């Protein structure tokens, strides 16, 4: 009887674990916009930060309570004009495949591996793995920074420098908890459609409309100056929700096994 209960417990937990993993790494199809004058979200998640940077300023983001500077963005030429940084936090419940925000060419791809920079107890300082990709076309250059979690630094890239991509095309994926930052030149922004706190879907949600080159060129008096800047403190909610979900699932499995065991004992007696 005890062996049967253990076998059922192991089988139930295995099925539940496989379901969690397969659901976590799901890769649904998306219907990207065919417009050339829009920037779509590169990731699923919630916009937790919108900030404008002045020309030549080095952008940074906040991940797990720590500030991370993007020095590689200077090499990519994205700091030659004012620009916006839009941070998208992906929870364990979001799809973790990332998509190109515009159609064009991969003009820059740079990977920084995750590593420990100090091993002194009790403090462990970790550099998050990240991959920076710049997408270029005749209208603008857009940067996307994928940032992995320290516990499982693994970012997959499906493109290489010089490769042509279409808007909404899968170009990479991040394993486990993660964040994706979008860098947009401020001067090209005509109107922002997804702001602070918005839920977005990779390849489908339009973040902003841009000037298409036939009309006015964005400047200090363009609608982009009205973009609401700020940040939301939601860095740890996703992982906490995942743990709660896993805990409740385990309780459900244990409850089912307890009922089965009780009924079998009743029949035996």
C-alpha atoms as a PDB file:
ATOM      1  CA  UNK A   1       0.000   0.000   0.000  1.00  0.00           C
ATOM      2  CA  UNK A   2       2.754   2.450   0.940  1.00  0.00           C
ATOM      3  CA  UNK A   3       4.598   1.643  -2.287  1.00  0.00           C
ATOM      4  CA  UNK A   4       1.444   2.284  -4.297  1.00  0.00           C
ATOM      5  CA  UNK A   5       0.906   5.634  -2.578  1.00  0.00           C
ATOM      6  CA  UNK A   6       4.521   6.641  -3.217  1.00  0.00           C
ATOM      7  CA  UNK A   7       4.217   5.551  -6.846  1.00  0.00           C
ATOM      8  CA  UNK A   8       1.034   7.571  -7.306  1.00  0.00           C
ATOM      9  CA  UNK A   9       2.622  10.575  -5.607  1.00  0.00           C
ATOM     10  CA  UNK A  10       5.693  10.397  -7.835  1.00  0.00           C
ATOM     11  CA  UNK A  11       3.588   9.940 -10.985  1.00  0.00           C
ATOM     12  CA  UNK A  12       1.271  12.840 -10.082  1.00  0.00           C
ATOM     13  CA  UNK A  13       4.135  15.162  -9.256  1.00  0.00           C
ATOM     14  CA  UNK A  14       5.947  14.191 -12.483  1.00  0.00           C
ATOM     15  CA  UNK A  15       2.861  14.900 -14.570  1.00  0.00           C
ATOM     16  CA  UNK A  16       2.336  18.219 -12.793  1.00  0.00           C
ATOM     17  CA  UNK A  17       5.999  19.178 -13.249  1.00  0.00           C
ATOM     18  CA  UNK A  18       5.997  18.289 -16.959  1.00  0.00           C
ATOM     19  CA  UNK A  19       2.808  20.293 -17.433  1.00  0.00           C
ATOM     20  CA  UNK A  20       4.358  23.325 -15.695  1.00  0.00           C
ATOM     21  CA  UNK A  21       7.504  23.138 -17.835  1.00  0.00           C
ATOM     22  CA  UNK A  22       5.629  22.654 -21.117  1.00  0.00           C
ATOM     23  CA  UNK A  23       3.231  25.481 -20.260  1.00  0.00           C
ATOM     24  CA  UNK A  24       6.116  27.750 -19.251  1.00  0.00           C
ATOM     25  CA  UNK A  25       7.917  27.211 -22.574  1.00  0.00           C
ATOM     26  CA  UNK A  26       4.829  27.527 -24.746  1.00  0.00           C
ATOM     27  CA  UNK A  27       5.389  29.316 -28.047  1.00  0.00           C
ATOM     28  CA  UNK A  28       2.066  30.504 -29.497  1.00  0.00           C
ATOM     29  CA  UNK A  29       1.666  32.120 -32.892  1.00  0.00           C
ATOM     30  CA  UNK A  30       1.137  35.885 -32.999  1.00  0.00           C
ATOM     31  CA  UNK A  31      -0.408  38.194 -35.588  1.00  0.00           C
ATOM     32  CA  UNK A  32       2.001  41.125 -35.962  1.00  0.00           C
ATOM     33  CA  UNK A  33       1.023  44.447 -37.466  1.00  0.00           C
ATOM     34  CA  UNK A  34       1.866  44.946 -41.126  1.00  0.00           C
ATOM     35  CA  UNK A  35       2.356  48.682 -40.644  1.00  0.00           C
ATOM     36  CA  UNK A  36       5.759  50.297 -41.076  1.00  0.00           C
ATOM     37  CA  UNK A  37       4.996  53.269 -38.822  1.00  0.00           C
ATOM     38  CA  UNK A  38       4.694  51.339 -35.550  1.00  0.00           C
ATOM     39  CA  UNK A  39       6.919  49.736 -32.919  1.00  0.00           C
ATOM     40  CA  UNK A  40       5.498  46.570 -31.371  1.00  0.00           C
ATOM     41  CA  UNK A  41       6.386  45.059 -28.033  1.00  0.00           C
ATOM     42  CA  UNK A  42       9.381  42.687 -28.098  1.00  0.00           C
ATOM     43  CA  UNK A  43       8.116  40.766 -25.062  1.00  0.00           C
ATOM     44  CA  UNK A  44       5.084  39.640 -23.102  1.00  0.00           C
ATOM     45  CA  UNK A  45       4.711  41.264 -19.700  1.00  0.00           C
ATOM     46  CA  UNK A  46       4.003  44.579 -18.035  1.00  0.00           C
ATOM     47  CA  UNK A  47       5.614  47.958 -18.705  1.00  0.00           C
ATOM     48  CA  UNK A  48       7.178  48.906 -15.386  1.00  0.00           C
ATOM     49  CA  UNK A  49       9.352  51.828 -16.372  1.00  0.00           C
ATOM     50  CA  UNK A  50       9.408  54.597 -18.970  1.00  0.00           C
ATOM     51  CA  UNK A  51      12.252  57.084 -18.912  1.00  0.00           C
ATOM     52  CA  UNK A  52      13.658  59.637 -21.333  1.00  0.00           C
ATOM     53  CA  UNK A  53      17.412  60.054 -21.628  1.00  0.00           C
ATOM     54  CA  UNK A  54      19.285  63.003 -23.055  1.00  0.00           C
ATOM     55  CA  UNK A  55      21.758  62.677 -25.898  1.00  0.00           C
ATOM     56  CA  UNK A  56      24.990  60.830 -24.969  1.00  0.00           C
ATOM     57  CA  UNK A  57      23.578  59.618 -21.636  1.00  0.00           C
ATOM     58  CA  UNK A  58      24.280  55.960 -20.848  1.00  0.00           C
ATOM     59  CA  UNK A  59      20.984  54.171 -20.152  1.00  0.00           C
ATOM     60  CA  UNK A  60      20.440  51.888 -17.188  1.00  0.00           C
ATOM     61  CA  UNK A  61      17.673  49.725 -15.844  1.00  0.00           C
ATOM     62  CA  UNK A  62      16.691  48.217 -12.494  1.00  0.00           C
ATOM     63  CA  UNK A  63      16.605  44.420 -12.224  1.00  0.00           C
ATOM     64  CA  UNK A  64      15.963  42.636  -8.904  1.00  0.00           C
ATOM     65  CA  UNK A  65      16.623  45.874  -7.044  1.00  0.00           C
ATOM     66  CA  UNK A  66      20.005  46.499  -8.709  1.00  0.00           C
ATOM     67  CA  UNK A  67      20.848  49.075 -11.349  1.00  0.00           C
ATOM     68  CA  UNK A  68      22.403  47.760 -14.571  1.00  0.00           C
ATOM     69  CA  UNK A  69      24.146  50.092 -17.026  1.00  0.00           C
ATOM     70  CA  UNK A  70      24.006  49.438 -20.770  1.00  0.00           C
ATOM     71  CA  UNK A  71      27.429  50.625 -21.901  1.00  0.00           C
ATOM     72  CA  UNK A  72      27.123  48.628 -25.134  1.00  0.00           C
ATOM     73  CA  UNK A  73      24.306  50.919 -26.307  1.00  0.00           C
ATOM     74  CA  UNK A  74      26.891  53.673 -26.859  1.00  0.00           C
ATOM     75  CA  UNK A  75      28.791  51.421 -29.274  1.00  0.00           C
ATOM     76  CA  UNK A  76      25.562  50.764 -31.145  1.00  0.00           C
ATOM     77  CA  UNK A  77      25.042  54.481 -31.735  1.00  0.00           C
ATOM     78  CA  UNK A  78      21.663  54.696 -29.999  1.00  0.00           C
ATOM     79  CA  UNK A  79      22.751  57.547 -27.698  1.00  0.00           C
ATOM     80  CA  UNK A  80      23.463  60.063 -30.479  1.00  0.00           C
ATOM     81  CA  UNK A  81      20.004  61.585 -29.903  1.00  0.00           C
ATOM     82  CA  UNK A  82      17.463  61.724 -27.066  1.00  0.00           C
ATOM     83  CA  UNK A  83      15.755  58.380 -26.533  1.00  0.00           C
ATOM     84  CA  UNK A  84      13.255  56.507 -24.377  1.00  0.00           C
ATOM     85  CA  UNK A  85      13.862  53.354 -22.362  1.00  0.00           C
ATOM     86  CA  UNK A  86      10.771  51.175 -21.844  1.00  0.00           C
ATOM     87  CA  UNK A  87      11.220  48.305 -19.358  1.00  0.00           C
ATOM     88  CA  UNK A  88       8.986  45.225 -19.681  1.00  0.00           C
ATOM     89  CA  UNK A  89       8.996  42.723 -16.806  1.00  0.00           C
ATOM     90  CA  UNK A  90       8.106  39.139 -17.748  1.00  0.00           C
ATOM     91  CA  UNK A  91       6.532  36.966 -15.062  1.00  0.00           C
ATOM     92  CA  UNK A  92       6.752  33.141 -15.063  1.00  0.00           C
ATOM     93  CA  UNK A  93       3.214  33.139 -16.490  1.00  0.00           C
ATOM     94  CA  UNK A  94       4.220  35.096 -19.606  1.00  0.00           C
ATOM     95  CA  UNK A  95       5.458  33.674 -22.904  1.00  0.00           C
ATOM     96  CA  UNK A  96       9.257  33.938 -22.871  1.00  0.00           C
ATOM     97  CA  UNK A  97       9.914  34.090 -26.609  1.00  0.00           C
ATOM     98  CA  UNK A  98      10.875  37.542 -27.832  1.00  0.00           C
ATOM     99  CA  UNK A  99       9.997  39.157 -31.159  1.00  0.00           C
ATOM    100  CA  UNK A 100      11.396  41.899 -33.385  1.00  0.00           C
ATOM    101  CA  UNK A 101       9.787  45.317 -32.657  1.00  0.00           C
ATOM    102  CA  UNK A 102      10.236  46.519 -36.268  1.00  0.00           C
ATOM    103  CA  UNK A 103      11.088  45.122 -39.683  1.00  0.00           C
ATOM    104  CA  UNK A 104      14.637  45.641 -40.884  1.00  0.00           C
ATOM    105  CA  UNK A 105      18.142  44.348 -40.353  1.00  0.00           C
ATOM    106  CA  UNK A 106      19.981  43.199 -37.252  1.00  0.00           C
ATOM    107  CA  UNK A 107      22.651  45.888 -37.163  1.00  0.00           C
ATOM    108  CA  UNK A 108      24.192  45.041 -33.788  1.00  0.00           C
ATOM    109  CA  UNK A 109      24.209  42.006 -31.493  1.00  0.00           C
ATOM    110  CA  UNK A 110      26.220  41.859 -28.289  1.00  0.00           C
ATOM    111  CA  UNK A 111      26.079  39.273 -25.496  1.00  0.00           C
ATOM    112  CA  UNK A 112      27.355  39.721 -21.952  1.00  0.00           C
ATOM    113  CA  UNK A 113      27.522  36.389 -20.076  1.00  0.00           C
ATOM    114  CA  UNK A 114      26.305  36.163 -16.498  1.00  0.00           C
ATOM    115  CA  UNK A 115      29.019  35.743 -13.886  1.00  0.00           C
ATOM    116  CA  UNK A 116      29.894  36.234 -10.233  1.00  0.00           C
ATOM    117  CA  UNK A 117      32.161  39.211  -9.664  1.00  0.00           C
ATOM    118  CA  UNK A 118      32.738  38.484  -5.991  1.00  0.00           C
ATOM    119  CA  UNK A 119      32.436  35.341  -3.890  1.00  0.00           C
ATOM    120  CA  UNK A 120      32.922  36.935  -0.474  1.00  0.00           C
ATOM    121  CA  UNK A 121      30.438  35.720   2.116  1.00  0.00           C
ATOM    122  CA  UNK A 122      27.757  36.650   2.937  1.00  0.00           C
ATOM    123  CA  UNK A 123      27.355  38.819  -0.193  1.00  0.00           C
ATOM    124  CA  UNK A 124      27.293  37.349  -3.681  1.00  0.00           C
ATOM    125  CA  UNK A 125      27.325  39.983  -6.420  1.00  0.00           C
ATOM    126  CA  UNK A 126      26.097  38.658  -9.763  1.00  0.00           C
ATOM    127  CA  UNK A 127      26.196  40.186 -13.244  1.00  0.00           C
ATOM    128  CA  UNK A 128      22.997  39.244 -15.073  1.00  0.00           C
ATOM    129  CA  UNK A 129      23.439  37.725 -18.490  1.00  0.00           C
ATOM    130  CA  UNK A 130      22.061  40.014 -21.182  1.00  0.00           C
ATOM    131  CA  UNK A 131      21.895  40.273 -24.944  1.00  0.00           C
ATOM    132  CA  UNK A 132      21.548  43.600 -26.745  1.00  0.00           C
ATOM    133  CA  UNK A 133      20.182  43.648 -30.293  1.00  0.00           C
ATOM    134  CA  UNK A 134      19.690  46.712 -32.505  1.00  0.00           C
ATOM    135  CA  UNK A 135      17.144  46.526 -35.327  1.00  0.00           C
ATOM    136  CA  UNK A 136      17.618  49.014 -38.170  1.00  0.00           C
ATOM    137  CA  UNK A 137      15.547  50.229 -41.124  1.00  0.00           C
ATOM    138  CA  UNK A 138      15.227  53.383 -43.211  1.00  0.00           C
ATOM    139  CA  UNK A 139      13.141  55.151 -40.547  1.00  0.00           C
ATOM    140  CA  UNK A 140      14.862  54.395 -37.245  1.00  0.00           C
ATOM    141  CA  UNK A 141      17.086  52.170 -35.119  1.00  0.00           C
ATOM    142  CA  UNK A 142      15.532  50.377 -32.135  1.00  0.00           C
ATOM    143  CA  UNK A 143      17.455  48.614 -29.387  1.00  0.00           C
ATOM    144  CA  UNK A 144      16.220  45.643 -27.349  1.00  0.00           C
ATOM    145  CA  UNK A 145      18.037  44.361 -24.250  1.00  0.00           C
ATOM    146  CA  UNK A 146      17.183  40.897 -22.936  1.00  0.00           C
ATOM    147  CA  UNK A 147      18.093  40.444 -19.263  1.00  0.00           C
ATOM    148  CA  UNK A 148      18.095  36.997 -17.643  1.00  0.00           C
ATOM    149  CA  UNK A 149      17.553  36.167 -13.989  1.00  0.00           C
ATOM    150  CA  UNK A 150      20.628  35.311 -11.874  1.00  0.00           C
ATOM    151  CA  UNK A 151      19.295  31.863 -10.946  1.00  0.00           C
ATOM    152  CA  UNK A 152      19.118  30.660 -14.554  1.00  0.00           C
ATOM    153  CA  UNK A 153      21.073  32.860 -16.932  1.00  0.00           C
ATOM    154  CA  UNK A 154      20.242  31.498 -20.339  1.00  0.00           C
ATOM    155  CA  UNK A 155      19.312  33.635 -23.327  1.00  0.00           C
ATOM    156  CA  UNK A 156      18.821  32.073 -26.743  1.00  0.00           C
ATOM    157  CA  UNK A 157      19.376  34.092 -29.931  1.00  0.00           C
ATOM    158  CA  UNK A 158      17.854  32.964 -33.219  1.00  0.00           C
ATOM    159  CA  UNK A 159      19.387  35.745 -35.354  1.00  0.00           C
ATOM    160  CA  UNK A 160      22.832  37.079 -36.210  1.00  0.00           C
ATOM    161  CA  UNK A 161      24.239  40.474 -37.226  1.00  0.00           C
ATOM    162  CA  UNK A 162      23.297  41.427 -40.767  1.00  0.00           C
ATOM    163  CA  UNK A 163      20.217  39.207 -40.877  1.00  0.00           C
ATOM    164  CA  UNK A 164      16.911  40.570 -42.185  1.00  0.00           C
ATOM    165  CA  UNK A 165      13.868  40.227 -39.905  1.00  0.00           C
ATOM    166  CA  UNK A 166      10.176  41.034 -40.118  1.00  0.00           C
ATOM    167  CA  UNK A 167       8.162  42.809 -37.463  1.00  0.00           C
ATOM    168  CA  UNK A 168       6.910  40.282 -34.916  1.00  0.00           C
ATOM    169  CA  UNK A 169       9.422  37.610 -35.959  1.00  0.00           C
ATOM    170  CA  UNK A 170      10.839  35.456 -33.157  1.00  0.00           C
ATOM    171  CA  UNK A 171      14.447  36.441 -32.617  1.00  0.00           C
ATOM    172  CA  UNK A 172      15.245  35.051 -29.166  1.00  0.00           C
ATOM    173  CA  UNK A 173      14.046  33.643 -25.852  1.00  0.00           C
ATOM    174  CA  UNK A 174      14.889  33.967 -22.166  1.00  0.00           C
ATOM    175  CA  UNK A 175      14.652  31.057 -19.745  1.00  0.00           C
ATOM    176  CA  UNK A 176      12.925  31.612 -16.388  1.00  0.00           C
ATOM    177  CA  UNK A 177      12.326  35.039 -14.824  1.00  0.00           C
ATOM    178  CA  UNK A 178      13.448  37.892 -17.008  1.00  0.00           C
ATOM    179  CA  UNK A 179      13.107  41.436 -18.275  1.00  0.00           C
ATOM    180  CA  UNK A 180      13.277  43.074 -21.690  1.00  0.00           C
ATOM    181  CA  UNK A 181      14.096  46.753 -22.231  1.00  0.00           C
ATOM    182  CA  UNK A 182      13.143  48.620 -25.394  1.00  0.00           C
ATOM    183  CA  UNK A 183      15.169  51.660 -26.502  1.00  0.00           C
ATOM    184  CA  UNK A 184      13.426  54.066 -28.895  1.00  0.00           C
ATOM    185  CA  UNK A 185      14.760  57.344 -30.385  1.00  0.00           C
ATOM    186  CA  UNK A 186      12.571  60.113 -28.906  1.00  0.00           C
ATOM    187  CA  UNK A 187      12.528  62.202 -32.065  1.00  0.00           C
ATOM    188  CA  UNK A 188      10.656  59.622 -34.142  1.00  0.00           C
ATOM    189  CA  UNK A 189       7.823  58.994 -31.669  1.00  0.00           C
ATOM    190  CA  UNK A 190       4.500  60.308 -32.951  1.00  0.00           C
ATOM    191  CA  UNK A 191       2.220  58.811 -30.316  1.00  0.00           C
ATOM    192  CA  UNK A 192       2.622  56.289 -27.470  1.00  0.00           C
ATOM    193  CA  UNK A 193      -0.161  53.687 -27.309  1.00  0.00           C
ATOM    194  CA  UNK A 194       1.101  51.510 -24.435  1.00  0.00           C
ATOM    195  CA  UNK A 195       2.278  53.345 -21.359  1.00  0.00           C
ATOM    196  CA  UNK A 196       3.372  52.716 -17.798  1.00  0.00           C
ATOM    197  CA  UNK A 197       1.540  49.762 -16.242  1.00  0.00           C
ATOM    198  CA  UNK A 198       0.207  48.421 -19.557  1.00  0.00           C
ATOM    199  CA  UNK A 199       0.097  44.673 -20.235  1.00  0.00           C
ATOM    200  CA  UNK A 200       1.716  43.900 -23.582  1.00  0.00           C
ATOM    201  CA  UNK A 201       2.140  40.943 -25.933  1.00  0.00           C
ATOM    202  CA  UNK A 202       5.235  40.332 -28.022  1.00  0.00           C
ATOM    203  CA  UNK A 203       4.724  40.994 -31.718  1.00  0.00           C
ATOM    204  CA  UNK A 204       1.145  42.232 -31.309  1.00  0.00           C
ATOM    205  CA  UNK A 205       0.845  45.138 -28.877  1.00  0.00           C
ATOM    206  CA  UNK A 206       1.784  48.443 -30.499  1.00  0.00           C
ATOM    207  CA  UNK A 207       4.044  50.397 -28.147  1.00  0.00           C
ATOM    208  CA  UNK A 208       4.234  53.548 -30.262  1.00  0.00           C
ATOM    209  CA  UNK A 209       3.483  55.073 -33.635  1.00  0.00           C
ATOM    210  CA  UNK A 210       6.355  56.804 -35.414  1.00  0.00           C
ATOM    211  CA  UNK A 211       6.694  59.430 -38.111  1.00  0.00           C
ATOM    212  CA  UNK A 212       6.890  57.618 -41.434  1.00  0.00           C
ATOM    213  CA  UNK A 213       9.160  60.146 -43.141  1.00  0.00           C
ATOM    214  CA  UNK A 214       6.410  61.703 -45.268  1.00  0.00           C
ATOM    215  CA  UNK A 215       5.287  64.187 -42.661  1.00  0.00           C
ATOM    216  CA  UNK A 216       6.629  66.063 -39.680  1.00  0.00           C
ATOM    217  CA  UNK A 217       9.849  64.944 -38.022  1.00  0.00           C
ATOM    218  CA  UNK A 218       9.572  64.526 -34.281  1.00  0.00           C
ATOM    219  CA  UNK A 219      11.240  67.112 -32.081  1.00  0.00           C
ATOM    220  CA  UNK A 220      10.994  68.824 -28.722  1.00  0.00           C
ATOM    221  CA  UNK A 221       7.432  69.960 -29.480  1.00  0.00           C
ATOM    222  CA  UNK A 222       6.270  66.609 -30.836  1.00  0.00           C
ATOM    223  CA  UNK A 223       3.684  64.432 -28.992  1.00  0.00           C
ATOM    224  CA  UNK A 224       6.563  62.357 -27.632  1.00  0.00           C
ATOM    225  CA  UNK A 225       7.243  65.121 -25.104  1.00  0.00           C
ATOM    226  CA  UNK A 226       3.917  64.209 -23.440  1.00  0.00           C
ATOM    227  CA  UNK A 227       4.936  60.635 -22.666  1.00  0.00           C
ATOM    228  CA  UNK A 228       4.289  59.742 -19.023  1.00  0.00           C
ATOM    229  CA  UNK A 229       7.537  58.717 -17.360  1.00  0.00           C
ATOM    230  CA  UNK A 230       7.897  56.745 -14.132  1.00  0.00           C
ATOM    231  CA  UNK A 231       8.359  53.270 -12.683  1.00  0.00           C
ATOM    232  CA  UNK A 232       6.366  50.549 -10.949  1.00  0.00           C
ATOM    233  CA  UNK A 233       7.626  48.277  -8.172  1.00  0.00           C
ATOM    234  CA  UNK A 234       6.605  44.871  -9.541  1.00  0.00           C
ATOM    235  CA  UNK A 235      10.010  43.229  -9.806  1.00  0.00           C
ATOM    236  CA  UNK A 236       9.316  40.268  -7.522  1.00  0.00           C
ATOM    237  CA  UNK A 237       5.584  39.692  -7.922  1.00  0.00           C
ATOM    238  CA  UNK A 238       5.912  37.309 -10.847  1.00  0.00           C
ATOM    239  CA  UNK A 239       8.172  34.816  -9.088  1.00  0.00           C
ATOM    240  CA  UNK A 240       6.091  35.012  -5.906  1.00  0.00           C
ATOM    241  CA  UNK A 241       2.968  34.245  -7.921  1.00  0.00           C
ATOM    242  CA  UNK A 242       4.723  31.307  -9.559  1.00  0.00           C
ATOM    243  CA  UNK A 243       5.709  29.887  -6.173  1.00  0.00           C
ATOM    244  CA  UNK A 244       2.146  30.315  -4.932  1.00  0.00           C
ATOM    245  CA  UNK A 245       0.825  28.561  -8.034  1.00  0.00           C
ATOM    246  CA  UNK A 246       3.285  25.681  -7.601  1.00  0.00           C
ATOM    247  CA  UNK A 247       2.459  25.417  -3.894  1.00  0.00           C
ATOM    248  CA  UNK A 248      -1.290  25.296  -4.526  1.00  0.00           C
ATOM    249  CA  UNK A 249      -0.771  22.675  -7.231  1.00  0.00           C
ATOM    250  CA  UNK A 250       1.266  20.546  -4.837  1.00  0.00           C
ATOM    251  CA  UNK A 251      -1.469  20.839  -2.209  1.00  0.00           C
ATOM    252  CA  UNK A 252      -4.044  19.761  -4.777  1.00  0.00           C
ATOM    253  CA  UNK A 253      -1.992  16.690  -5.715  1.00  0.00           C
ATOM    254  CA  UNK A 254      -1.462  15.814  -2.040  1.00  0.00           C
ATOM    255  CA  UNK A 255      -5.195  16.197  -1.340  1.00  0.00           C
ATOM    256  CA  UNK A 256      -6.100  13.863  -4.214  1.00  0.00           C
ATOM    257  CA  UNK A 257      -3.571  11.260  -3.068  1.00  0.00           C
ATOM    258  CA  UNK A 258      -4.891  11.453   0.503  1.00  0.00           C
ATOM    259  CA  UNK A 259      -8.445  10.808  -0.683  1.00  0.00           C
ATOM    260  CA  UNK A 260      -7.336   7.884  -2.844  1.00  0.00           C
ATOM    261  CA  UNK A 261      -5.362   6.399   0.035  1.00  0.00           C
ATOM    262  CA  UNK A 262      -8.310   6.792   2.446  1.00  0.00           C
ATOM    263  CA  UNK A 263     -10.736   5.094   0.049  1.00  0.00           C
ATOM    264  CA  UNK A 264      -8.334   2.191  -0.598  1.00  0.00           C
ATOM    265  CA  UNK A 265      -7.855   1.664   3.106  1.00  0.00           C
ATOM    266  CA  UNK A 266     -11.611   1.707   3.634  1.00  0.00           C
ATOM    267  CA  UNK A 267     -12.141  -0.952   0.981  1.00  0.00           C
ATOM    268  CA  UNK A 268      -9.370  -3.112   2.425  1.00  0.00           C
ATOM    269  CA  UNK A 269     -10.915  -2.986   5.893  1.00  0.00           C
END
